[in-house]
């Protein structure tokens, strides 16, 4: 089993969610996040004065999946999150040893 974590632009959430639902993902977790990558923030203007916003608002999207589905879910995330501009985010996959659904105590892939 795998945990797929994506950092993405907030305005891409609807597209990402639609793509994941079309693929068959039944659940995901979305958290607000902020940070920076190679772009080191971005410049904005307020009342004519320029300032650099060091921490850029992003979303952290997490999906638990079978090892077989993880690469295709990454493909969906890449297709739906990409703008072609710096700041599109990152995706990483982490191995998960065990999953337990709290409501019925099902374990493993049955808990997905």
N, C-alpha and C. Protein backbone atom coordinates (compact mmCIF):
# COMPACT_ATOMS: atom_id res chain seq x y z
N UNK A 1 0.85 -1.18 0.00
CA UNK A 1 0.00 0.00 0.00
C UNK A 1 0.89 1.24 0.00
N UNK A 2 0.35 2.31 -0.53
CA UNK A 2 1.13 3.54 -0.70
C UNK A 2 0.33 4.75 -0.25
N UNK A 3 1.05 5.75 0.24
CA UNK A 3 0.49 7.06 0.52
C UNK A 3 1.05 8.00 -0.53
N UNK A 4 0.17 8.57 -1.34
CA UNK A 4 0.57 9.51 -2.37
C UNK A 4 0.28 10.91 -1.84
N UNK A 5 1.31 11.73 -1.76
CA UNK A 5 1.17 13.09 -1.25
C UNK A 5 1.52 14.05 -2.37
N UNK A 6 0.65 15.01 -2.58
CA UNK A 6 0.88 16.02 -3.62
C UNK A 6 0.75 17.41 -3.01
N UNK A 7 1.65 18.28 -3.38
CA UNK A 7 1.55 19.70 -3.06
C UNK A 7 1.13 20.38 -4.36
N UNK A 8 0.01 21.11 -4.32
CA UNK A 8 -0.54 21.67 -5.56
C UNK A 8 -1.09 23.07 -5.32
N UNK A 9 -1.32 23.75 -6.42
CA UNK A 9 -1.93 25.09 -6.38
C UNK A 9 -3.39 24.96 -5.91
N UNK A 10 -3.85 25.86 -5.05
CA UNK A 10 -5.24 25.79 -4.57
C UNK A 10 -6.28 25.84 -5.68
N UNK A 11 -6.00 26.58 -6.75
CA UNK A 11 -7.00 26.70 -7.82
C UNK A 11 -7.11 25.44 -8.68
N UNK A 12 -6.27 24.44 -8.45
CA UNK A 12 -6.33 23.19 -9.21
C UNK A 12 -7.11 22.10 -8.48
N UNK A 13 -7.61 22.39 -7.27
CA UNK A 13 -8.26 21.35 -6.47
C UNK A 13 -9.45 20.72 -7.18
N UNK A 14 -10.33 21.50 -7.76
CA UNK A 14 -11.52 20.94 -8.41
C UNK A 14 -11.12 19.99 -9.53
N UNK A 15 -10.15 20.38 -10.36
CA UNK A 15 -9.69 19.51 -11.45
C UNK A 15 -9.08 18.22 -10.90
N UNK A 16 -8.26 18.36 -9.87
CA UNK A 16 -7.61 17.19 -9.27
C UNK A 16 -8.65 16.25 -8.69
N UNK A 17 -9.57 16.80 -7.94
CA UNK A 17 -10.61 15.98 -7.31
C UNK A 17 -11.45 15.26 -8.37
N UNK A 18 -11.85 15.98 -9.41
CA UNK A 18 -12.63 15.36 -10.49
C UNK A 18 -11.86 14.20 -11.12
N UNK A 19 -10.58 14.41 -11.40
CA UNK A 19 -9.76 13.36 -12.00
C UNK A 19 -9.61 12.14 -11.11
N UNK A 20 -9.41 12.38 -9.82
CA UNK A 20 -9.28 11.26 -8.88
C UNK A 20 -10.59 10.50 -8.75
N UNK A 21 -11.71 11.21 -8.72
CA UNK A 21 -13.02 10.54 -8.65
C UNK A 21 -13.28 9.74 -9.91
N UNK A 22 -12.93 10.28 -11.08
CA UNK A 22 -13.09 9.54 -12.34
C UNK A 22 -12.26 8.26 -12.33
N UNK A 23 -11.07 8.32 -11.72
CA UNK A 23 -10.22 7.14 -11.64
C UNK A 23 -10.80 6.10 -10.69
N UNK A 24 -11.56 6.55 -9.70
CA UNK A 24 -12.15 5.62 -8.74
C UNK A 24 -11.66 5.79 -7.31
N UNK A 25 -10.88 6.84 -7.06
CA UNK A 25 -10.44 7.11 -5.69
C UNK A 25 -11.67 7.47 -4.87
N UNK A 26 -11.83 6.80 -3.72
CA UNK A 26 -13.02 7.00 -2.90
C UNK A 26 -12.81 7.98 -1.76
N UNK A 27 -11.58 8.34 -1.48
CA UNK A 27 -11.34 9.28 -0.39
C UNK A 27 -9.99 9.95 -0.53
N UNK A 28 -9.90 11.15 0.00
CA UNK A 28 -8.65 11.88 0.01
C UNK A 28 -8.67 12.87 1.16
N UNK A 29 -7.52 13.33 1.52
CA UNK A 29 -7.38 14.35 2.57
C UNK A 29 -6.75 15.58 1.94
N UNK A 30 -7.32 16.74 2.22
CA UNK A 30 -6.79 18.00 1.71
C UNK A 30 -6.51 18.91 2.90
N UNK A 31 -5.30 19.45 2.96
CA UNK A 31 -4.90 20.38 4.02
C UNK A 31 -4.30 21.62 3.39
N UNK A 32 -4.51 22.75 4.03
CA UNK A 32 -3.84 23.97 3.58
C UNK A 32 -2.38 23.90 3.99
N UNK A 33 -1.52 24.36 3.11
CA UNK A 33 -0.08 24.36 3.37
C UNK A 33 0.51 25.64 2.80
N UNK A 34 1.70 25.96 3.21
CA UNK A 34 2.43 27.07 2.60
C UNK A 34 3.90 26.73 2.61
N UNK A 35 4.61 27.22 1.63
CA UNK A 35 6.03 26.94 1.53
C UNK A 35 6.59 27.57 0.27
N UNK A 36 7.81 27.16 -0.05
CA UNK A 36 8.43 27.64 -1.28
C UNK A 36 9.36 26.56 -1.81
N UNK A 37 9.62 26.64 -3.09
CA UNK A 37 10.55 25.74 -3.75
C UNK A 37 11.63 26.56 -4.41
N UNK A 38 11.99 26.17 -5.61
CA UNK A 38 13.07 26.88 -6.32
C UNK A 38 12.73 28.33 -6.60
N UNK A 39 11.44 28.64 -6.69
CA UNK A 39 11.06 30.02 -7.01
C UNK A 39 11.24 30.97 -5.83
N UNK A 40 11.37 30.46 -4.63
CA UNK A 40 11.60 31.27 -3.42
C UNK A 40 10.52 32.33 -3.21
N UNK A 41 9.28 31.94 -3.33
CA UNK A 41 8.18 32.87 -3.14
C UNK A 41 7.88 33.63 -4.42
N UNK A 42 7.06 34.66 -4.30
CA UNK A 42 6.77 35.48 -5.47
C UNK A 42 6.51 36.92 -5.05
N UNK A 43 6.71 37.81 -6.00
CA UNK A 43 6.58 39.24 -5.75
C UNK A 43 5.13 39.67 -5.94
N UNK A 44 4.64 40.50 -5.03
CA UNK A 44 3.30 41.05 -5.13
C UNK A 44 3.37 42.55 -4.89
N UNK A 45 2.29 43.21 -5.23
CA UNK A 45 2.22 44.66 -5.02
C UNK A 45 1.01 44.98 -4.15
N UNK A 46 1.22 45.90 -3.20
CA UNK A 46 0.14 46.37 -2.35
C UNK A 46 0.26 47.87 -2.24
N UNK A 47 -0.76 48.58 -2.71
CA UNK A 47 -0.77 50.05 -2.70
C UNK A 47 0.48 50.62 -3.35
N UNK A 48 0.88 50.02 -4.45
CA UNK A 48 2.02 50.52 -5.21
C UNK A 48 3.38 50.07 -4.71
N UNK A 49 3.43 49.43 -3.57
CA UNK A 49 4.71 48.98 -3.03
C UNK A 49 4.89 47.48 -3.31
N UNK A 50 6.07 47.11 -3.78
CA UNK A 50 6.37 45.71 -4.06
C UNK A 50 6.88 45.03 -2.79
N UNK A 51 6.45 43.80 -2.60
CA UNK A 51 6.99 42.99 -1.50
C UNK A 51 7.02 41.54 -1.97
N UNK A 52 7.86 40.74 -1.34
CA UNK A 52 7.99 39.33 -1.68
C UNK A 52 7.23 38.50 -0.67
N UNK A 53 6.33 37.68 -1.17
CA UNK A 53 5.63 36.73 -0.31
C UNK A 53 6.47 35.46 -0.30
N UNK A 54 7.18 35.23 0.82
CA UNK A 54 8.13 34.12 0.90
C UNK A 54 7.43 32.76 0.91
N UNK A 55 6.34 32.65 1.64
CA UNK A 55 5.63 31.38 1.74
C UNK A 55 4.38 31.45 0.87
N UNK A 56 4.35 30.62 -0.13
CA UNK A 56 3.26 30.63 -1.11
C UNK A 56 2.18 29.66 -0.65
N UNK A 57 0.90 30.07 -0.68
CA UNK A 57 -0.18 29.16 -0.28
C UNK A 57 -0.32 28.01 -1.27
N UNK A 58 -0.43 26.80 -0.71
CA UNK A 58 -0.59 25.58 -1.50
C UNK A 58 -1.59 24.68 -0.79
N UNK A 59 -1.91 23.56 -1.43
CA UNK A 59 -2.70 22.51 -0.82
C UNK A 59 -1.87 21.25 -0.75
N UNK A 60 -2.05 20.51 0.34
CA UNK A 60 -1.43 19.19 0.49
C UNK A 60 -2.55 18.17 0.32
N UNK A 61 -2.44 17.33 -0.69
CA UNK A 61 -3.46 16.34 -1.01
C UNK A 61 -2.86 14.97 -0.76
N UNK A 62 -3.56 14.16 0.04
CA UNK A 62 -3.06 12.82 0.38
C UNK A 62 -4.08 11.77 -0.02
N UNK A 63 -3.59 10.71 -0.66
CA UNK A 63 -4.44 9.62 -1.11
C UNK A 63 -3.77 8.30 -0.73
N UNK A 64 -4.51 7.42 -0.06
CA UNK A 64 -4.03 6.07 0.20
C UNK A 64 -4.48 5.19 -0.96
N UNK A 65 -3.57 4.33 -1.44
CA UNK A 65 -3.89 3.51 -2.60
C UNK A 65 -3.11 2.20 -2.56
N UNK A 66 -3.56 1.26 -3.37
CA UNK A 66 -2.80 0.02 -3.53
C UNK A 66 -1.51 0.34 -4.29
N UNK A 67 -0.54 -0.53 -4.15
CA UNK A 67 0.73 -0.33 -4.86
C UNK A 67 0.52 -0.34 -6.37
N UNK A 68 -0.47 -1.11 -6.83
CA UNK A 68 -0.75 -1.19 -8.27
C UNK A 68 -1.35 0.11 -8.80
N UNK A 69 -2.21 0.76 -8.01
CA UNK A 69 -2.89 1.98 -8.46
C UNK A 69 -2.03 3.24 -8.32
N UNK A 70 -1.03 3.21 -7.47
CA UNK A 70 -0.25 4.42 -7.16
C UNK A 70 0.33 5.11 -8.40
N UNK A 71 0.97 4.39 -9.34
CA UNK A 71 1.52 5.09 -10.51
C UNK A 71 0.45 5.77 -11.36
N UNK A 72 -0.71 5.14 -11.50
CA UNK A 72 -1.78 5.74 -12.31
C UNK A 72 -2.40 6.94 -11.60
N UNK A 73 -2.48 6.88 -10.27
CA UNK A 73 -2.97 8.03 -9.52
C UNK A 73 -2.00 9.20 -9.68
N UNK A 74 -0.71 8.92 -9.67
CA UNK A 74 0.28 9.97 -9.92
C UNK A 74 0.09 10.58 -11.31
N UNK A 75 -0.22 9.74 -12.29
CA UNK A 75 -0.48 10.24 -13.64
C UNK A 75 -1.67 11.20 -13.64
N UNK A 76 -2.72 10.85 -12.90
CA UNK A 76 -3.90 11.72 -12.80
C UNK A 76 -3.50 13.05 -12.16
N UNK A 77 -2.75 12.98 -11.06
CA UNK A 77 -2.32 14.20 -10.38
C UNK A 77 -1.47 15.07 -11.30
N UNK A 78 -0.55 14.46 -12.01
CA UNK A 78 0.29 15.22 -12.94
C UNK A 78 -0.54 15.88 -14.03
N UNK A 79 -1.47 15.14 -14.60
CA UNK A 79 -2.29 15.69 -15.68
C UNK A 79 -3.18 16.83 -15.21
N UNK A 80 -3.71 16.71 -14.00
CA UNK A 80 -4.68 17.69 -13.51
C UNK A 80 -4.04 18.88 -12.79
N UNK A 81 -2.82 18.73 -12.27
CA UNK A 81 -2.20 19.80 -11.48
C UNK A 81 -1.24 20.67 -12.28
N UNK A 82 -0.84 20.22 -13.45
CA UNK A 82 0.21 20.90 -14.21
C UNK A 82 -0.31 22.15 -14.92
N UNK A 83 0.42 23.26 -14.72
CA UNK A 83 0.17 24.48 -15.51
C UNK A 83 1.34 24.76 -16.44
N UNK A 84 2.47 24.09 -16.17
CA UNK A 84 3.68 24.33 -16.96
C UNK A 84 4.52 25.47 -16.42
N UNK A 85 4.10 26.06 -15.32
CA UNK A 85 4.81 27.18 -14.71
C UNK A 85 5.49 26.73 -13.42
N UNK A 86 6.56 27.42 -13.02
CA UNK A 86 7.16 27.12 -11.72
C UNK A 86 6.11 27.27 -10.62
N UNK A 87 6.18 26.40 -9.63
CA UNK A 87 5.23 26.46 -8.53
C UNK A 87 4.08 25.48 -8.65
N UNK A 88 4.16 24.57 -9.64
CA UNK A 88 3.10 23.57 -9.79
C UNK A 88 3.07 22.57 -8.64
N UNK A 89 4.17 22.40 -7.93
CA UNK A 89 4.16 21.53 -6.76
C UNK A 89 5.05 20.32 -6.91
N UNK A 90 4.81 19.35 -6.03
CA UNK A 90 5.58 18.11 -5.98
C UNK A 90 4.63 16.96 -5.68
N UNK A 91 5.06 15.75 -6.03
CA UNK A 91 4.33 14.53 -5.68
C UNK A 91 5.36 13.55 -5.15
N UNK A 92 5.03 12.88 -4.05
CA UNK A 92 5.90 11.81 -3.57
C UNK A 92 5.04 10.65 -3.07
N UNK A 93 5.65 9.47 -3.09
CA UNK A 93 4.96 8.25 -2.71
C UNK A 93 5.72 7.63 -1.55
N UNK A 94 4.98 7.25 -0.51
CA UNK A 94 5.55 6.65 0.68
C UNK A 94 4.92 5.28 0.90
N UNK A 95 5.74 4.31 1.27
CA UNK A 95 5.22 2.98 1.59
C UNK A 95 4.43 3.04 2.90
N UNK A 96 3.33 2.32 2.94
CA UNK A 96 2.48 2.26 4.14
C UNK A 96 2.45 0.80 4.59
N UNK A 97 2.82 0.57 5.84
CA UNK A 97 2.85 -0.80 6.36
C UNK A 97 1.47 -1.35 6.66
N UNK A 98 0.60 -0.51 7.21
CA UNK A 98 -0.70 -1.01 7.62
C UNK A 98 -1.72 0.12 7.60
N UNK A 99 -2.95 -0.22 7.23
CA UNK A 99 -4.07 0.72 7.29
C UNK A 99 -5.18 0.04 8.07
N UNK A 100 -5.80 0.78 8.97
CA UNK A 100 -6.95 0.27 9.72
C UNK A 100 -8.06 1.30 9.63
N UNK A 101 -9.23 0.89 9.15
CA UNK A 101 -10.40 1.78 9.14
C UNK A 101 -10.99 1.73 10.54
N UNK A 102 -11.13 2.86 11.17
CA UNK A 102 -11.55 2.95 12.56
C UNK A 102 -12.98 2.45 12.74
N UNK A 103 -13.90 2.79 11.84
CA UNK A 103 -15.32 2.48 12.04
C UNK A 103 -15.61 0.99 12.11
N UNK A 104 -14.96 0.19 11.28
CA UNK A 104 -15.26 -1.25 11.28
C UNK A 104 -14.03 -2.13 11.49
N UNK A 105 -12.89 -1.50 11.73
CA UNK A 105 -11.63 -2.19 12.00
C UNK A 105 -11.12 -3.04 10.85
N UNK A 106 -11.61 -2.79 9.64
CA UNK A 106 -11.05 -3.52 8.50
C UNK A 106 -9.61 -3.06 8.29
N UNK A 107 -8.80 -3.97 7.75
CA UNK A 107 -7.37 -3.69 7.62
C UNK A 107 -6.89 -3.91 6.20
N UNK A 108 -5.73 -3.36 5.91
CA UNK A 108 -5.10 -3.54 4.61
C UNK A 108 -5.88 -2.88 3.49
N UNK A 109 -5.85 -3.50 2.31
CA UNK A 109 -6.53 -2.90 1.16
C UNK A 109 -8.04 -2.83 1.35
N UNK A 110 -8.59 -3.68 2.21
CA UNK A 110 -10.04 -3.61 2.50
C UNK A 110 -10.39 -2.30 3.19
N UNK A 111 -9.42 -1.67 3.84
CA UNK A 111 -9.66 -0.41 4.55
C UNK A 111 -9.56 0.80 3.63
N UNK A 112 -9.10 0.59 2.40
CA UNK A 112 -9.00 1.71 1.47
C UNK A 112 -10.39 2.14 1.07
